[in-house]
Amino acid sequence: MSTPSEKNFDDYKRAERKAVEIVAEMKSVSAKKTDIELALLVALFELHKRELAPGHIAKIVQGHLNELVPFYSRGPESN
């Protein structure tokens, strides 16, 4: 039986796989990376819009970026 933290990680990995699938679909609709980037950011604001102020949403996004940058900075052999 998995622990709560293992289940949380499994749930996250399922959501991550779906997000990567969505990005692949978006690439087939628009070759412009800027359009895809902006649409993904809009989705984040839509996810929280009736619960949090826009500034708070931006801080959440920045916090996630601060966590992800070191991971992606290690290079492809480590990821």
PDB file of N, CA and C in Angstrom:
ATOM      1  N   MET A   1       0.849  -1.191   0.000  1.00  0.00           N
ATOM      2  CA  MET A   1       0.000   0.000   0.000  1.00  0.00           C
ATOM      3  C   MET A   1       0.886   1.243   0.000  1.00  0.00           C
ATOM      4  N   SER A   2       0.509   2.237  -0.786  1.00  0.00           N
ATOM      5  CA  SER A   2       1.332   3.433  -0.880  1.00  0.00           C
ATOM      6  C   SER A   2       1.017   4.405   0.257  1.00  0.00           C
ATOM      7  N   THR A   3       2.031   5.192   0.610  1.00  0.00           N
ATOM      8  CA  THR A   3       1.856   6.207   1.649  1.00  0.00           C
ATOM      9  C   THR A   3       1.158   7.417   1.029  1.00  0.00           C
ATOM     10  N   PRO A   4       0.617   8.317   1.867  1.00  0.00           N
ATOM     11  CA  PRO A   4      -0.017   9.520   1.315  1.00  0.00           C
ATOM     12  C   PRO A   4       0.933  10.326   0.425  1.00  0.00           C
ATOM     13  N   SER A   5       2.213  10.426   0.813  1.00  0.00           N
ATOM     14  CA  SER A   5       3.137  11.212  -0.014  1.00  0.00           C
ATOM     15  C   SER A   5       3.419  10.509  -1.341  1.00  0.00           C
ATOM     16  N   GLU A   6       3.450   9.165  -1.342  1.00  0.00           N
ATOM     17  CA  GLU A   6       3.617   8.439  -2.606  1.00  0.00           C
ATOM     18  C   GLU A   6       2.407   8.648  -3.506  1.00  0.00           C
ATOM     19  N   LYS A   7       1.209   8.625  -2.920  1.00  0.00           N
ATOM     20  CA  LYS A   7      -0.007   8.861  -3.698  1.00  0.00           C
ATOM     21  C   LYS A   7      -0.009  10.276  -4.260  1.00  0.00           C
ATOM     22  N   ASN A   8       0.391  11.248  -3.440  1.00  0.00           N
ATOM     23  CA  ASN A   8       0.467  12.632  -3.925  1.00  0.00           C
ATOM     24  C   ASN A   8       1.420  12.748  -5.099  1.00  0.00           C
ATOM     25  N   PHE A   9       2.570  12.084  -5.003  1.00  0.00           N
ATOM     26  CA  PHE A   9       3.545  12.128  -6.095  1.00  0.00           C
ATOM     27  C   PHE A   9       2.981  11.449  -7.340  1.00  0.00           C
ATOM     28  N   ASP A  10       2.321  10.316  -7.165  1.00  0.00           N
ATOM     29  CA  ASP A  10       1.697   9.628  -8.307  1.00  0.00           C
ATOM     30  C   ASP A  10       0.639  10.505  -8.966  1.00  0.00           C
ATOM     31  N   ASP A  11      -0.176  11.177  -8.146  1.00  0.00           N
ATOM     32  CA  ASP A  11      -1.184  12.100  -8.681  1.00  0.00           C
ATOM     33  C   ASP A  11      -0.512  13.219  -9.468  1.00  0.00           C
ATOM     34  N   TYR A  12       0.557  13.778  -8.893  1.00  0.00           N
ATOM     35  CA  TYR A  12       1.297  14.837  -9.585  1.00  0.00           C
ATOM     36  C   TYR A  12       1.835  14.346 -10.923  1.00  0.00           C
ATOM     37  N   LYS A  13       2.447  13.155 -10.952  1.00  0.00           N
ATOM     38  CA  LYS A  13       3.030  12.619 -12.184  1.00  0.00           C
ATOM     39  C   LYS A  13       1.958  12.403 -13.246  1.00  0.00           C
ATOM     40  N   ARG A  14       0.749  11.986 -12.849  1.00  0.00           N
ATOM     41  CA  ARG A  14      -0.347  11.848 -13.812  1.00  0.00           C
ATOM     42  C   ARG A  14      -0.728  13.214 -14.378  1.00  0.00           C
ATOM     43  N   ALA A  15      -0.814  14.207 -13.515  1.00  0.00           N
ATOM     44  CA  ALA A  15      -1.144  15.559 -13.971  1.00  0.00           C
ATOM     45  C   ALA A  15      -0.044  16.104 -14.878  1.00  0.00           C
ATOM     46  N   GLU A  16       1.206  15.839 -14.528  1.00  0.00           N
ATOM     47  CA  GLU A  16       2.336  16.296 -15.348  1.00  0.00           C
ATOM     48  C   GLU A  16       2.291  15.658 -16.734  1.00  0.00           C
ATOM     49  N   ARG A  17       2.037  14.349 -16.801  1.00  0.00           N
ATOM     50  CA  ARG A  17       1.944  13.665 -18.104  1.00  0.00           C
ATOM     51  C   ARG A  17       0.838  14.283 -18.954  1.00  0.00           C
ATOM     52  N   LYS A  18      -0.299  14.577 -18.338  1.00  0.00           N
ATOM     53  CA  LYS A  18      -1.414  15.195 -19.063  1.00  0.00           C
ATOM     54  C   LYS A  18      -1.023  16.573 -19.567  1.00  0.00           C
ATOM     55  N   ALA A  19      -0.330  17.344 -18.753  1.00  0.00           N
ATOM     56  CA  ALA A  19       0.109  18.683 -19.162  1.00  0.00           C
ATOM     57  C   ALA A  19       1.048  18.603 -20.364  1.00  0.00           C
ATOM     58  N   VAL A  20       1.950  17.633 -20.368  1.00  0.00           N
ATOM     59  CA  VAL A  20       2.874  17.465 -21.494  1.00  0.00           C
ATOM     60  C   VAL A  20       2.092  17.061 -22.746  1.00  0.00           C
ATOM     61  N   GLU A  21       1.064  16.227 -22.589  1.00  0.00           N
ATOM     62  CA  GLU A  21       0.206  15.867 -23.726  1.00  0.00           C
ATOM     63  C   GLU A  21      -0.503  17.103 -24.273  1.00  0.00           C
ATOM     64  N   ILE A  22      -0.997  17.946 -23.374  1.00  0.00           N
ATOM     65  CA  ILE A  22      -1.693  19.163 -23.789  1.00  0.00           C
ATOM     66  C   ILE A  22      -0.745  20.077 -24.550  1.00  0.00           C
ATOM     67  N   VAL A  23       0.494  20.211 -24.086  1.00  0.00           N
ATOM     68  CA  VAL A  23       1.477  21.034 -24.798  1.00  0.00           C
ATOM     69  C   VAL A  23       1.712  20.482 -26.199  1.00  0.00           C
ATOM     70  N   ALA A  24       1.807  19.169 -26.328  1.00  0.00           N
ATOM     71  CA  ALA A  24       1.992  18.561 -27.653  1.00  0.00           C
ATOM     72  C   ALA A  24       0.813  18.894 -28.556  1.00  0.00           C
ATOM     73  N   GLU A  25      -0.396  18.829 -28.022  1.00  0.00           N
ATOM     74  CA  GLU A  25      -1.582  19.195 -28.799  1.00  0.00           C
ATOM     75  C   GLU A  25      -1.536  20.665 -29.194  1.00  0.00           C
ATOM     76  N   MET A  26      -1.118  21.514 -28.259  1.00  0.00           N
ATOM     77  CA  MET A  26      -1.050  22.943 -28.537  1.00  0.00           C
ATOM     78  C   MET A  26      -0.035  23.237 -29.634  1.00  0.00           C
ATOM     79  N   LYS A  27       1.064  22.513 -29.649  1.00  0.00           N
ATOM     80  CA  LYS A  27       2.075  22.705 -30.694  1.00  0.00           C
ATOM     81  C   LYS A  27       1.498  22.399 -32.070  1.00  0.00           C
ATOM     82  N   SER A  28       0.569  21.471 -32.138  1.00  0.00           N
ATOM     83  CA  SER A  28      -0.030  21.136 -33.428  1.00  0.00           C
ATOM     84  C   SER A  28      -1.011  22.209 -33.892  1.00  0.00           C
ATOM     85  N   VAL A  29      -1.471  23.047 -32.969  1.00  0.00           N
ATOM     86  CA  VAL A  29      -2.419  24.109 -33.288  1.00  0.00           C
ATOM     87  C   VAL A  29      -1.712  25.424 -33.608  1.00  0.00           C
ATOM     88  N   SER A  30      -0.603  25.691 -32.917  1.00  0.00           N
ATOM     89  CA  SER A  30       0.114  26.955 -33.103  1.00  0.00           C
ATOM     90  C   SER A  30       1.615  26.703 -33.052  1.00  0.00           C
ATOM     91  N   ALA A  31       2.294  27.188 -34.056  1.00  0.00           N
ATOM     92  CA  ALA A  31       3.750  27.060 -34.078  1.00  0.00           C
ATOM     93  C   ALA A  31       4.410  28.139 -33.215  1.00  0.00           C
ATOM     94  N   LYS A  32       3.639  29.127 -32.803  1.00  0.00           N
ATOM     95  CA  LYS A  32       4.207  30.221 -32.019  1.00  0.00           C
ATOM     96  C   LYS A  32       4.306  29.829 -30.548  1.00  0.00           C
ATOM     97  N   LYS A  33       5.525  29.702 -30.075  1.00  0.00           N
ATOM     98  CA  LYS A  33       5.732  29.346 -28.670  1.00  0.00           C
ATOM     99  C   LYS A  33       5.157  30.394 -27.731  1.00  0.00           C
ATOM    100  N   THR A  34       5.214  31.650 -28.135  1.00  0.00           N
ATOM    101  CA  THR A  34       4.675  32.718 -27.292  1.00  0.00           C
ATOM    102  C   THR A  34       3.178  32.533 -27.063  1.00  0.00           C
ATOM    103  N   ASP A  35       2.443  32.116 -28.106  1.00  0.00           N
ATOM    104  CA  ASP A  35       1.005  31.874 -27.946  1.00  0.00           C
ATOM    105  C   ASP A  35       0.759  30.758 -26.936  1.00  0.00           C
ATOM    106  N   ILE A  36       1.537  29.693 -27.018  1.00  0.00           N
ATOM    107  CA  ILE A  36       1.384  28.555 -26.116  1.00  0.00           C
ATOM    108  C   ILE A  36       1.746  28.966 -24.692  1.00  0.00           C
ATOM    109  N   GLU A  37       2.849  29.685 -24.530  1.00  0.00           N
ATOM    110  CA  GLU A  37       3.274  30.134 -23.199  1.00  0.00           C
ATOM    111  C   GLU A  37       2.200  30.995 -22.544  1.00  0.00           C
ATOM    112  N   LEU A  38       1.689  31.951 -23.291  1.00  0.00           N
ATOM    113  CA  LEU A  38       0.667  32.851 -22.747  1.00  0.00           C
ATOM    114  C   LEU A  38      -0.601  32.073 -22.391  1.00  0.00           C
ATOM    115  N   ALA A  39      -1.008  31.152 -23.258  1.00  0.00           N
ATOM    116  CA  ALA A  39      -2.206  30.355 -22.982  1.00  0.00           C
ATOM    117  C   ALA A  39      -2.038  29.519 -21.711  1.00  0.00           C
ATOM    118  N   LEU A  40      -0.848  28.968 -21.506  1.00  0.00           N
ATOM    119  CA  LEU A  40      -0.603  28.188 -20.285  1.00  0.00           C
ATOM    120  C   LEU A  40      -0.656  29.071 -19.047  1.00  0.00           C
ATOM    121  N   LEU A  41      -0.117  30.272 -19.142  1.00  0.00           N
ATOM    122  CA  LEU A  41      -0.193  31.198 -18.004  1.00  0.00           C
ATOM    123  C   LEU A  41      -1.632  31.618 -17.732  1.00  0.00           C
ATOM    124  N   VAL A  42      -2.402  31.860 -18.782  1.00  0.00           N
ATOM    125  CA  VAL A  42      -3.816  32.192 -18.605  1.00  0.00           C
ATOM    126  C   VAL A  42      -4.526  31.052 -17.883  1.00  0.00           C
ATOM    127  N   ALA A  43      -4.209  29.811 -18.257  1.00  0.00           N
ATOM    128  CA  ALA A  43      -4.830  28.654 -17.604  1.00  0.00           C
ATOM    129  C   ALA A  43      -4.540  28.651 -16.102  1.00  0.00           C
ATOM    130  N   LEU A  44      -3.335  29.042 -15.716  1.00  0.00           N
ATOM    131  CA  LEU A  44      -2.997  29.101 -14.288  1.00  0.00           C
ATOM    132  C   LEU A  44      -3.840  30.149 -13.569  1.00  0.00           C
ATOM    133  N   PHE A  45      -4.013  31.296 -14.193  1.00  0.00           N
ATOM    134  CA  PHE A  45      -4.836  32.332 -13.579  1.00  0.00           C
ATOM    135  C   PHE A  45      -6.302  31.885 -13.520  1.00  0.00           C
ATOM    136  N   GLU A  46      -6.776  31.217 -14.556  1.00  0.00           N
ATOM    137  CA  GLU A  46      -8.150  30.711 -14.565  1.00  0.00           C
ATOM    138  C   GLU A  46      -8.361  29.658 -13.476  1.00  0.00           C
ATOM    139  N   LEU A  47      -7.353  28.859 -13.222  1.00  0.00           N
ATOM    140  CA  LEU A  47      -7.434  27.820 -12.194  1.00  0.00           C
ATOM    141  C   LEU A  47      -7.745  28.417 -10.820  1.00  0.00           C
ATOM    142  N   HIS A  48      -7.211  29.591 -10.536  1.00  0.00           N
ATOM    143  CA  HIS A  48      -7.322  30.200  -9.203  1.00  0.00           C
ATOM    144  C   HIS A  48      -8.179  31.465  -9.146  1.00  0.00           C
ATOM    145  N   LYS A  49      -8.710  31.936 -10.269  1.00  0.00           N
ATOM    146  CA  LYS A  49      -9.223  33.306 -10.352  1.00  0.00           C
ATOM    147  C   LYS A  49     -10.306  33.690  -9.349  1.00  0.00           C
ATOM    148  N   ARG A  50     -11.149  32.812  -8.931  1.00  0.00           N
ATOM    149  CA  ARG A  50     -12.204  33.205  -7.993  1.00  0.00           C
ATOM    150  C   ARG A  50     -11.804  32.967  -6.544  1.00  0.00           C
ATOM    151  N   GLU A  51     -10.588  32.479  -6.352  1.00  0.00           N
ATOM    152  CA  GLU A  51     -10.131  32.163  -4.995  1.00  0.00           C
ATOM    153  C   GLU A  51      -8.987  33.055  -4.523  1.00  0.00           C
ATOM    154  N   LEU A  52      -8.157  33.508  -5.466  1.00  0.00           N
ATOM    155  CA  LEU A  52      -6.964  34.271  -5.103  1.00  0.00           C
ATOM    156  C   LEU A  52      -6.841  35.528  -5.946  1.00  0.00           C
ATOM    157  N   ALA A  53      -6.193  36.531  -5.372  1.00  0.00           N
ATOM    158  CA  ALA A  53      -5.925  37.769  -6.111  1.00  0.00           C
ATOM    159  C   ALA A  53      -4.854  37.500  -7.177  1.00  0.00           C
ATOM    160  N   PRO A  54      -4.896  38.227  -8.282  1.00  0.00           N
ATOM    161  CA  PRO A  54      -3.908  38.023  -9.347  1.00  0.00           C
ATOM    162  C   PRO A  54      -2.461  38.107  -8.856  1.00  0.00           C
ATOM    163  N   GLY A  55      -2.175  39.028  -7.955  1.00  0.00           N
ATOM    164  CA  GLY A  55      -0.817  39.146  -7.431  1.00  0.00           C
ATOM    165  C   GLY A  55      -0.383  37.894  -6.678  1.00  0.00           C
ATOM    166  N   HIS A  56      -1.318  37.296  -5.966  1.00  0.00           N
ATOM    167  CA  HIS A  56      -1.013  36.065  -5.232  1.00  0.00           C
ATOM    168  C   HIS A  56      -0.761  34.916  -6.205  1.00  0.00           C
ATOM    169  N   ILE A  57      -1.546  34.848  -7.266  1.00  0.00           N
ATOM    170  CA  ILE A  57      -1.345  33.823  -8.293  1.00  0.00           C
ATOM    171  C   ILE A  57       0.040  33.979  -8.906  1.00  0.00           C
ATOM    172  N   ALA A  58       0.425  35.206  -9.189  1.00  0.00           N
ATOM    173  CA  ALA A  58       1.757  35.455  -9.758  1.00  0.00           C
ATOM    174  C   ALA A  58       2.855  34.978  -8.799  1.00  0.00           C
ATOM    175  N   LYS A  59       2.659  35.187  -7.507  1.00  0.00           N
ATOM    176  CA  LYS A  59       3.649  34.725  -6.524  1.00  0.00           C
ATOM    177  C   LYS A  59       3.734  33.201  -6.501  1.00  0.00           C
ATOM    178  N   ILE A  60       2.603  32.529  -6.644  1.00  0.00           N
ATOM    179  CA  ILE A  60       2.599  31.069  -6.707  1.00  0.00           C
ATOM    180  C   ILE A  60       3.402  30.607  -7.924  1.00  0.00           C
ATOM    181  N   VAL A  61       3.135  31.224  -9.062  1.00  0.00           N
ATOM    182  CA  VAL A  61       3.857  30.866 -10.293  1.00  0.00           C
ATOM    183  C   VAL A  61       5.350  31.107 -10.097  1.00  0.00           C
ATOM    184  N   GLN A  62       5.718  32.236  -9.531  1.00  0.00           N
ATOM    185  CA  GLN A  62       7.134  32.540  -9.304  1.00  0.00           C
ATOM    186  C   GLN A  62       7.764  31.515  -8.363  1.00  0.00           C
ATOM    187  N   GLY A  63       7.044  31.107  -7.338  1.00  0.00           N
ATOM    188  CA  GLY A  63       7.553  30.094  -6.425  1.00  0.00           C
ATOM    189  C   GLY A  63       7.807  28.769  -7.122  1.00  0.00           C
ATOM    190  N   HIS A  64       6.889  28.371  -7.992  1.00  0.00           N
ATOM    191  CA  HIS A  64       7.085  27.138  -8.759  1.00  0.00           C
ATOM    192  C   HIS A  64       8.292  27.266  -9.682  1.00  0.00           C
ATOM    193  N   LEU A  65       8.438  28.424 -10.311  1.00  0.00           N
ATOM    194  CA  LEU A  65       9.592  28.643 -11.193  1.00  0.00           C
ATOM    195  C   LEU A  65      10.899  28.557 -10.406  1.00  0.00           C
ATOM    196  N   ASN A  66      10.905  29.117  -9.215  1.00  0.00           N
ATOM    197  CA  ASN A  66      12.114  29.053  -8.383  1.00  0.00           C
ATOM    198  C   ASN A  66      12.499  27.617  -8.053  1.00  0.00           C
ATOM    199  N   GLU A  67      11.524  26.739  -7.941  1.00  0.00           N
ATOM    200  CA  GLU A  67      11.796  25.318  -7.681  1.00  0.00           C
ATOM    201  C   GLU A  67      12.259  24.598  -8.947  1.00  0.00           C
ATOM    202  N   LEU A  68      11.669  24.944 -10.082  1.00  0.00           N
ATOM    203  CA  LEU A  68      11.959  24.232 -11.325  1.00  0.00           C
ATOM    204  C   LEU A  68      13.271  24.634 -11.990  1.00  0.00           C
ATOM    205  N   VAL A  69      13.665  25.885 -11.868  1.00  0.00           N
ATOM    206  CA  VAL A  69      14.885  26.352 -12.535  1.00  0.00           C
ATOM    207  C   VAL A  69      16.107  25.532 -12.131  1.00  0.00           C
ATOM    208  N   PRO A  70      16.348  25.283 -10.851  1.00  0.00           N
ATOM    209  CA  PRO A  70      17.518  24.462 -10.507  1.00  0.00           C
ATOM    210  C   PRO A  70      17.440  23.051 -11.104  1.00  0.00           C
ATOM    211  N   PHE A  71      16.255  22.462 -11.126  1.00  0.00           N
ATOM    212  CA  PHE A  71      16.092  21.122 -11.684  1.00  0.00           C
ATOM    213  C   PHE A  71      16.478  21.113 -13.167  1.00  0.00           C
ATOM    214  N   TYR A  72      15.974  22.065 -13.924  1.00  0.00           N
ATOM    215  CA  TYR A  72      16.261  22.111 -15.359  1.00  0.00           C
ATOM    216  C   TYR A  72      17.648  22.661 -15.660  1.00  0.00           C
ATOM    217  N   SER A  73      18.265  23.322 -14.710  1.00  0.00           N
ATOM    218  CA  SER A  73      19.621  23.847 -14.902  1.00  0.00           C
ATOM    219  C   SER A  73      20.685  22.763 -14.813  1.00  0.00           C
ATOM    220  N   ARG A  74      20.339  21.628 -14.250  1.00  0.00           N
ATOM    221  CA  ARG A  74      21.322  20.542 -14.106  1.00  0.00           C
ATOM    222  C   ARG A  74      21.700  19.941 -15.448  1.00  0.00           C
ATOM    223  N   GLY A  75      20.878  20.098 -16.453  1.00  0.00           N
ATOM    224  CA  GLY A  75      21.190  19.549 -17.772  1.00  0.00           C
ATOM    225  C   GLY A  75      20.427  18.263 -18.028  1.00  0.00           C
ATOM    226  N   PRO A  76      20.341  17.878 -19.289  1.00  0.00           N
ATOM    227  CA  PRO A  76      19.513  16.734 -19.673  1.00  0.00           C
ATOM    228  C   PRO A  76      19.983  15.397 -19.098  1.00  0.00           C
ATOM    229  N   GLU A  77      21.275  15.231 -18.858  1.00  0.00           N
ATOM    230  CA  GLU A  77      21.758  13.948 -18.341  1.00  0.00           C
ATOM    231  C   GLU A  77      21.278  13.677 -16.929  1.00  0.00           C
ATOM    232  N   SER A  78      20.906  14.727 -16.183  1.00  0.00           N
ATOM    233  CA  SER A  78      20.481  14.567 -14.795  1.00  0.00           C
ATOM    234  C   SER A  78      18.963  14.455 -14.670  1.00  0.00           C
ATOM    235  N   ASN A  79      18.225  14.887 -15.675  1.00  0.00           N
ATOM    236  CA  ASN A  79      16.759  14.950 -15.573  1.00  0.00           C
ATOM    237  C   ASN A  79      16.098  13.673 -16.024  1.00  0.00           C
TER     238      ASN A  79
END
